Amino acid sequence: MLLYDERAQVVEYCLRMQADELTVGTSGNLSVRSGDYIAITPSGVPYDDLTPEAICVIDLDGNKVEDGLDPSSEVPMHTSVYRGTDAGAVVHTHPLYCTTLSVLLDEVPPVHYMIALLGGPVRVAPYARFGSAELAENSMRAMEGRYGALMQNHGATTYGDTLAKAYSRSIYLEWVCRLYHQARLLGEPNLLPLPEIDGVAEVLNSYGQSVPGKP
């Protein structure tokens, strides 16, 4: 079986995604890249029923390379991210607050410095039907210089060099969206200047790295 470890990882994070309420029913999808192959969730299978054997393997053009279930309808979006970035994993979710703001905004503003983990204010890609090449193109434009985007009236997508990092960004994106939603209920939120977000990003990127001249 191709990519067994990657398939098992996809199953693990699908169950996390369900427990963390980043999705509803069978919506949402995850994938992990290994070389020229991608392990991706199948279409329409409840997360509780997933096994490594149920996870699909496709190539970078979206073609199935093993017999089995049909892959997610969002294959075009996943493959576009892999072709256009250095992503090792992609997480597509339908969380409540991300989706709520996707209906209202063109961009999630810098209401908290943790938005730096996404590369800055998170853009909202124009609406296109799920699974379409147009949605994939819109999403890629929205993710330029970012690690994630919202999709109008739809949901959110994040990526990272590992599935853990891509998933963590999904969690933070939903948290920032919830924070902005809650703040707007009380008034007009104070926003952070973009230079501060850039500075925070530099600090976050240095976490865990030794400082020259320091022990």
C-alpha atoms as a PDB file:
ATOM      1  CA  MET A   1       0.000   0.000   0.000  1.00  0.00           C
ATOM      2  CA  LEU A   2       1.355   3.399  -0.982  1.00  0.00           C
ATOM      3  CA  LEU A   3       1.847   6.090   1.685  1.00  0.00           C
ATOM      4  CA  TYR A   4       0.561   4.052   4.628  1.00  0.00           C
ATOM      5  CA  ASP A   5       2.033   6.392   7.246  1.00  0.00           C
ATOM      6  CA  GLU A   6       0.596   9.445   5.484  1.00  0.00           C
ATOM      7  CA  ARG A   7      -2.819   7.786   5.219  1.00  0.00           C
ATOM      8  CA  ALA A   8      -2.797   6.965   8.924  1.00  0.00           C
ATOM      9  CA  GLN A   9      -1.883  10.570   9.689  1.00  0.00           C
ATOM     10  CA  VAL A  10      -4.788  11.822   7.586  1.00  0.00           C
ATOM     11  CA  VAL A  11      -7.199   9.589   9.545  1.00  0.00           C
ATOM     12  CA  GLU A  12      -5.791  10.856  12.855  1.00  0.00           C
ATOM     13  CA  TYR A  13      -6.258  14.497  11.908  1.00  0.00           C
ATOM     14  CA  CYS A  14      -9.710  13.934  10.433  1.00  0.00           C
ATOM     15  CA  LEU A  15     -10.840  12.720  13.840  1.00  0.00           C
ATOM     16  CA  ARG A  16      -9.214  15.776  15.439  1.00  0.00           C
ATOM     17  CA  MET A  17     -10.956  18.032  12.949  1.00  0.00           C
ATOM     18  CA  GLN A  18     -14.286  16.520  13.882  1.00  0.00           C
ATOM     19  CA  ALA A  19     -13.603  16.762  17.639  1.00  0.00           C
ATOM     20  CA  ASP A  20     -12.452  20.381  17.305  1.00  0.00           C
ATOM     21  CA  GLU A  21     -15.651  21.273  15.430  1.00  0.00           C
ATOM     22  CA  LEU A  22     -13.828  22.476  12.349  1.00  0.00           C
ATOM     23  CA  THR A  23     -16.264  20.604  10.144  1.00  0.00           C
ATOM     24  CA  VAL A  24     -19.824  19.296   9.987  1.00  0.00           C
ATOM     25  CA  GLY A  25     -20.818  15.823   8.804  1.00  0.00           C
ATOM     26  CA  THR A  26     -18.589  14.680   5.950  1.00  0.00           C
ATOM     27  CA  SER A  27     -17.586  18.186   4.888  1.00  0.00           C
ATOM     28  CA  GLY A  28     -13.970  19.297   4.910  1.00  0.00           C
ATOM     29  CA  ASN A  29     -10.921  17.403   3.658  1.00  0.00           C
ATOM     30  CA  LEU A  30      -7.230  16.888   4.385  1.00  0.00           C
ATOM     31  CA  SER A  31      -4.228  15.829   2.370  1.00  0.00           C
ATOM     32  CA  VAL A  32      -0.522  15.112   2.812  1.00  0.00           C
ATOM     33  CA  ARG A  33       2.075  15.155   0.063  1.00  0.00           C
ATOM     34  CA  SER A  34       4.935  12.682  -0.244  1.00  0.00           C
ATOM     35  CA  GLY A  35       7.058  13.214  -3.338  1.00  0.00           C
ATOM     36  CA  ASP A  36       4.830  13.102  -6.408  1.00  0.00           C
ATOM     37  CA  TYR A  37       1.907  11.506  -4.566  1.00  0.00           C
ATOM     38  CA  ILE A  38      -0.820  12.898  -2.307  1.00  0.00           C
ATOM     39  CA  ALA A  39      -2.792  11.047   0.370  1.00  0.00           C
ATOM     40  CA  ILE A  40      -6.238  12.669   0.523  1.00  0.00           C
ATOM     41  CA  THR A  41      -9.571  12.007   2.188  1.00  0.00           C
ATOM     42  CA  PRO A  42     -12.220  10.162   0.172  1.00  0.00           C
ATOM     43  CA  SER A  43     -15.473  11.780  -0.865  1.00  0.00           C
ATOM     44  CA  GLY A  44     -18.547  11.424   1.345  1.00  0.00           C
ATOM     45  CA  VAL A  45     -17.214   9.005   3.972  1.00  0.00           C
ATOM     46  CA  PRO A  46     -18.023   9.749   7.645  1.00  0.00           C
ATOM     47  CA  TYR A  47     -14.844  10.482   9.573  1.00  0.00           C
ATOM     48  CA  ASP A  48     -15.610   7.810  12.187  1.00  0.00           C
ATOM     49  CA  ASP A  49     -15.569   5.211   9.413  1.00  0.00           C
ATOM     50  CA  LEU A  50     -12.181   6.186   7.978  1.00  0.00           C
ATOM     51  CA  THR A  51      -9.250   3.771   7.972  1.00  0.00           C
ATOM     52  CA  PRO A  52      -5.842   4.130   6.311  1.00  0.00           C
ATOM     53  CA  GLU A  53      -7.106   1.804   3.570  1.00  0.00           C
ATOM     54  CA  ALA A  54      -9.986   4.199   2.832  1.00  0.00           C
ATOM     55  CA  ILE A  55      -7.682   7.181   2.203  1.00  0.00           C
ATOM     56  CA  CYS A  56      -7.063   7.848  -1.484  1.00  0.00           C
ATOM     57  CA  VAL A  57      -3.719   8.354  -3.211  1.00  0.00           C
ATOM     58  CA  ILE A  58      -3.528  10.656  -6.228  1.00  0.00           C
ATOM     59  CA  ASP A  59      -0.767  12.270  -8.246  1.00  0.00           C
ATOM     60  CA  LEU A  60      -0.139  16.002  -8.597  1.00  0.00           C
ATOM     61  CA  ASP A  61      -2.532  16.123 -11.570  1.00  0.00           C
ATOM     62  CA  GLY A  62      -5.338  14.666  -9.453  1.00  0.00           C
ATOM     63  CA  ASN A  63      -5.321  11.194 -11.012  1.00  0.00           C
ATOM     64  CA  LYS A  64      -5.952   8.155  -8.807  1.00  0.00           C
ATOM     65  CA  VAL A  65      -2.904   5.904  -8.605  1.00  0.00           C
ATOM     66  CA  GLU A  66      -4.598   3.047  -6.730  1.00  0.00           C
ATOM     67  CA  ASP A  67      -8.011   1.418  -6.924  1.00  0.00           C
ATOM     68  CA  GLY A  68     -10.419   2.400  -4.177  1.00  0.00           C
ATOM     69  CA  LEU A  69     -12.824   5.130  -3.169  1.00  0.00           C
ATOM     70  CA  ASP A  70     -13.140   8.382  -5.067  1.00  0.00           C
ATOM     71  CA  PRO A  71     -11.048  11.214  -3.642  1.00  0.00           C
ATOM     72  CA  SER A  72     -12.458  14.439  -2.209  1.00  0.00           C
ATOM     73  CA  SER A  73     -14.338  16.749  -4.561  1.00  0.00           C
ATOM     74  CA  GLU A  74     -11.783  19.423  -3.640  1.00  0.00           C
ATOM     75  CA  VAL A  75      -8.894  17.698  -5.424  1.00  0.00           C
ATOM     76  CA  PRO A  76      -8.409  20.743  -7.734  1.00  0.00           C
ATOM     77  CA  MET A  77      -7.834  23.018  -4.736  1.00  0.00           C
ATOM     78  CA  HIS A  78      -5.406  20.642  -3.033  1.00  0.00           C
ATOM     79  CA  THR A  79      -3.346  20.002  -6.143  1.00  0.00           C
ATOM     80  CA  SER A  80      -3.257  23.733  -6.934  1.00  0.00           C
ATOM     81  CA  VAL A  81      -1.812  24.471  -3.493  1.00  0.00           C
ATOM     82  CA  TYR A  82       0.863  21.792  -3.911  1.00  0.00           C
ATOM     83  CA  ARG A  83       1.827  23.031  -7.356  1.00  0.00           C
ATOM     84  CA  GLY A  84       1.905  26.690  -6.306  1.00  0.00           C
ATOM     85  CA  THR A  85       3.578  26.495  -2.872  1.00  0.00           C
ATOM     86  CA  ASP A  86       6.023  24.411  -0.860  1.00  0.00           C
ATOM     87  CA  ALA A  87       3.134  22.845   1.079  1.00  0.00           C
ATOM     88  CA  GLY A  88       3.524  19.403   2.584  1.00  0.00           C
ATOM     89  CA  ALA A  89      -0.096  19.279   3.754  1.00  0.00           C
ATOM     90  CA  VAL A  90      -3.410  21.044   3.129  1.00  0.00           C
ATOM     91  CA  VAL A  91      -6.404  21.352   5.479  1.00  0.00           C
ATOM     92  CA  HIS A  92      -9.810  22.473   4.198  1.00  0.00           C
ATOM     93  CA  THR A  93     -12.465  23.094   6.840  1.00  0.00           C
ATOM     94  CA  HIS A  94     -15.988  24.484   7.306  1.00  0.00           C
ATOM     95  CA  PRO A  95     -15.728  25.999  10.809  1.00  0.00           C
ATOM     96  CA  LEU A  96     -18.533  28.214  12.076  1.00  0.00           C
ATOM     97  CA  TYR A  97     -16.701  31.506  12.632  1.00  0.00           C
ATOM     98  CA  CYS A  98     -14.468  31.320   9.557  1.00  0.00           C
ATOM     99  CA  THR A  99     -17.515  30.598   7.448  1.00  0.00           C
ATOM    100  CA  THR A 100     -19.546  33.338   9.128  1.00  0.00           C
ATOM    101  CA  LEU A 101     -16.920  35.968   8.363  1.00  0.00           C
ATOM    102  CA  SER A 102     -16.546  34.661   4.800  1.00  0.00           C
ATOM    103  CA  VAL A 103     -20.147  35.748   4.255  1.00  0.00           C
ATOM    104  CA  LEU A 104     -19.473  39.285   5.527  1.00  0.00           C
ATOM    105  CA  LEU A 105     -15.885  40.343   4.853  1.00  0.00           C
ATOM    106  CA  ASP A 106     -13.335  40.638   2.069  1.00  0.00           C
ATOM    107  CA  GLU A 107     -10.497  40.159   4.568  1.00  0.00           C
ATOM    108  CA  VAL A 108     -10.074  39.161   8.210  1.00  0.00           C
ATOM    109  CA  PRO A 109      -8.247  42.173   9.698  1.00  0.00           C
ATOM    110  CA  PRO A 110      -5.320  42.101  12.176  1.00  0.00           C
ATOM    111  CA  VAL A 111      -7.431  42.021  15.322  1.00  0.00           C
ATOM    112  CA  HIS A 112      -4.819  39.897  17.136  1.00  0.00           C
ATOM    113  CA  TYR A 113      -1.114  39.343  16.617  1.00  0.00           C
ATOM    114  CA  MET A 114      -1.596  35.578  16.157  1.00  0.00           C
ATOM    115  CA  ILE A 115      -2.863  36.316  12.671  1.00  0.00           C
ATOM    116  CA  ALA A 116       0.845  36.558  11.874  1.00  0.00           C
ATOM    117  CA  LEU A 117       0.837  32.739  11.848  1.00  0.00           C
ATOM    118  CA  LEU A 118      -1.231  32.990   8.658  1.00  0.00           C
ATOM    119  CA  GLY A 119       1.144  35.506   7.090  1.00  0.00           C
ATOM    120  CA  GLY A 120      -1.015  38.545   7.833  1.00  0.00           C
ATOM    121  CA  PRO A 121      -4.650  39.581   7.309  1.00  0.00           C
ATOM    122  CA  VAL A 122      -6.520  36.652   5.787  1.00  0.00           C
ATOM    123  CA  ARG A 123      -8.203  37.326   2.462  1.00  0.00           C
ATOM    124  CA  VAL A 124     -11.570  35.976   1.379  1.00  0.00           C
ATOM    125  CA  ALA A 125     -11.572  34.297  -2.032  1.00  0.00           C
ATOM    126  CA  PRO A 126     -14.585  35.127  -4.250  1.00  0.00           C
ATOM    127  CA  TYR A 127     -17.290  32.503  -4.292  1.00  0.00           C
ATOM    128  CA  ALA A 128     -17.139  29.621  -6.748  1.00  0.00           C
ATOM    129  CA  ARG A 129     -18.795  26.223  -6.625  1.00  0.00           C
ATOM    130  CA  PHE A 130     -17.074  23.605  -4.474  1.00  0.00           C
ATOM    131  CA  GLY A 131     -14.733  21.297  -6.351  1.00  0.00           C
ATOM    132  CA  SER A 132     -14.375  23.663  -9.296  1.00  0.00           C
ATOM    133  CA  ALA A 133     -11.186  24.835 -10.979  1.00  0.00           C
ATOM    134  CA  GLU A 134     -12.470  28.382 -10.453  1.00  0.00           C
ATOM    135  CA  LEU A 135     -12.573  27.872  -6.677  1.00  0.00           C
ATOM    136  CA  ALA A 136      -9.026  26.522  -6.770  1.00  0.00           C
ATOM    137  CA  GLU A 137      -7.834  29.545  -8.759  1.00  0.00           C
ATOM    138  CA  ASN A 138      -9.645  32.019  -6.496  1.00  0.00           C
ATOM    139  CA  SER A 139      -8.217  30.365  -3.397  1.00  0.00           C
ATOM    140  CA  MET A 140      -4.664  30.434  -4.706  1.00  0.00           C
ATOM    141  CA  ARG A 141      -4.913  34.146  -5.483  1.00  0.00           C
ATOM    142  CA  ALA A 142      -6.242  34.801  -1.974  1.00  0.00           C
ATOM    143  CA  MET A 143      -3.390  32.793  -0.444  1.00  0.00           C
ATOM    144  CA  GLU A 144      -0.628  34.708  -2.207  1.00  0.00           C
ATOM    145  CA  GLY A 145       1.885  35.583   0.521  1.00  0.00           C
ATOM    146  CA  ARG A 146      -0.329  33.824   3.098  1.00  0.00           C
ATOM    147  CA  TYR A 147      -0.676  30.375   4.626  1.00  0.00           C
ATOM    148  CA  GLY A 148      -4.437  30.323   4.416  1.00  0.00           C
ATOM    149  CA  ALA A 149      -7.585  31.924   3.075  1.00  0.00           C
ATOM    150  CA  LEU A 150     -11.313  31.987   3.572  1.00  0.00           C
ATOM    151  CA  MET A 151     -13.650  31.080   0.729  1.00  0.00           C
ATOM    152  CA  GLN A 152     -16.755  33.220   0.405  1.00  0.00           C
ATOM    153  CA  ASN A 153     -19.899  31.497   1.706  1.00  0.00           C
ATOM    154  CA  HIS A 154     -17.926  28.267   2.056  1.00  0.00           C
ATOM    155  CA  GLY A 155     -15.103  27.774   4.569  1.00  0.00           C
ATOM    156  CA  ALA A 156     -11.343  27.968   5.013  1.00  0.00           C
ATOM    157  CA  THR A 157      -8.113  26.417   3.739  1.00  0.00           C
ATOM    158  CA  THR A 158      -4.663  26.416   5.328  1.00  0.00           C
ATOM    159  CA  TYR A 159      -1.398  24.730   4.445  1.00  0.00           C
ATOM    160  CA  GLY A 160       1.985  24.009   5.983  1.00  0.00           C
ATOM    161  CA  ASP A 161       5.114  21.971   5.510  1.00  0.00           C
ATOM    162  CA  THR A 162       3.603  19.326   7.801  1.00  0.00           C
ATOM    163  CA  LEU A 163       0.042  18.286   8.546  1.00  0.00           C
ATOM    164  CA  ALA A 164       0.528  19.327  12.165  1.00  0.00           C
ATOM    165  CA  LYS A 165       1.437  22.861  11.088  1.00  0.00           C
ATOM    166  CA  ALA A 166      -1.341  23.108   8.500  1.00  0.00           C
ATOM    167  CA  TYR A 167      -3.841  21.928  11.095  1.00  0.00           C
ATOM    168  CA  SER A 168      -2.526  24.295  13.763  1.00  0.00           C
ATOM    169  CA  ARG A 169      -3.042  27.183  11.353  1.00  0.00           C
ATOM    170  CA  SER A 170      -6.655  26.091  10.859  1.00  0.00           C
ATOM    171  CA  ILE A 171      -7.185  26.161  14.618  1.00  0.00           C
ATOM    172  CA  TYR A 172      -5.649  29.635  14.958  1.00  0.00           C
ATOM    173  CA  LEU A 173      -7.595  30.962  11.985  1.00  0.00           C
ATOM    174  CA  GLU A 174     -10.892  29.850  13.482  1.00  0.00           C
ATOM    175  CA  TRP A 175      -9.886  31.378  16.849  1.00  0.00           C
ATOM    176  CA  VAL A 176      -9.011  34.740  15.285  1.00  0.00           C
ATOM    177  CA  CYS A 177     -12.282  34.731  13.345  1.00  0.00           C
ATOM    178  CA  ARG A 178     -14.215  33.982  16.523  1.00  0.00           C
ATOM    179  CA  LEU A 179     -12.383  36.756  18.368  1.00  0.00           C
ATOM    180  CA  TYR A 180     -13.227  39.270  15.642  1.00  0.00           C
ATOM    181  CA  HIS A 181     -16.865  38.139  15.607  1.00  0.00           C
ATOM    182  CA  GLN A 182     -17.160  38.481  19.391  1.00  0.00           C
ATOM    183  CA  ALA A 183     -15.446  41.891  19.427  1.00  0.00           C
ATOM    184  CA  ARG A 184     -17.758  43.240  16.720  1.00  0.00           C
ATOM    185  CA  LEU A 185     -20.752  42.335  18.873  1.00  0.00           C
ATOM    186  CA  LEU A 186     -19.513  44.887  21.418  1.00  0.00           C
ATOM    187  CA  GLY A 187     -18.184  47.594  19.139  1.00  0.00           C
ATOM    188  CA  GLU A 188     -15.525  48.464  16.593  1.00  0.00           C
ATOM    189  CA  PRO A 189     -12.337  46.481  17.339  1.00  0.00           C
ATOM    190  CA  ASN A 190      -8.941  48.144  17.596  1.00  0.00           C
ATOM    191  CA  LEU A 191      -6.672  46.745  14.887  1.00  0.00           C
ATOM    192  CA  LEU A 192      -2.927  46.224  14.992  1.00  0.00           C
ATOM    193  CA  PRO A 193      -0.702  47.987  12.426  1.00  0.00           C
ATOM    194  CA  LEU A 194       0.720  45.742   9.712  1.00  0.00           C
ATOM    195  CA  PRO A 195       4.372  46.469  10.685  1.00  0.00           C
ATOM    196  CA  GLU A 196       3.592  44.981  14.103  1.00  0.00           C
ATOM    197  CA  ILE A 197       2.186  41.840  12.473  1.00  0.00           C
ATOM    198  CA  ASP A 198       5.348  41.551  10.374  1.00  0.00           C
ATOM    199  CA  GLY A 199       7.479  41.950  13.498  1.00  0.00           C
ATOM    200  CA  VAL A 200       5.519  39.290  15.344  1.00  0.00           C
ATOM    201  CA  ALA A 201       5.964  36.942  12.386  1.00  0.00           C
ATOM    202  CA  GLU A 202       9.728  37.350  12.613  1.00  0.00           C
ATOM    203  CA  VAL A 203       9.681  36.558  16.328  1.00  0.00           C
ATOM    204  CA  LEU A 204       7.433  33.522  15.863  1.00  0.00           C
ATOM    205  CA  ASN A 205       9.616  32.201  13.069  1.00  0.00           C
ATOM    206  CA  SER A 206      12.644  32.345  15.354  1.00  0.00           C
ATOM    207  CA  TYR A 207      11.053  30.273  18.150  1.00  0.00           C
ATOM    208  CA  GLY A 208      13.177  27.265  19.001  1.00  0.00           C
ATOM    209  CA  GLN A 209      16.239  28.606  17.186  1.00  0.00           C
ATOM    210  CA  SER A 210      19.457  29.462  18.974  1.00  0.00           C
ATOM    211  CA  VAL A 211      20.581  33.084  19.055  1.00  0.00           C
ATOM    212  CA  PRO A 212      24.173  33.745  17.914  1.00  0.00           C
ATOM    213  CA  GLY A 213      26.423  34.446  20.890  1.00  0.00           C
ATOM    214  CA  LYS A 214      23.861  33.086  23.348  1.00  0.00           C
ATOM    215  CA  PRO A 215      23.951  29.676  25.054  1.00  0.00           C
END
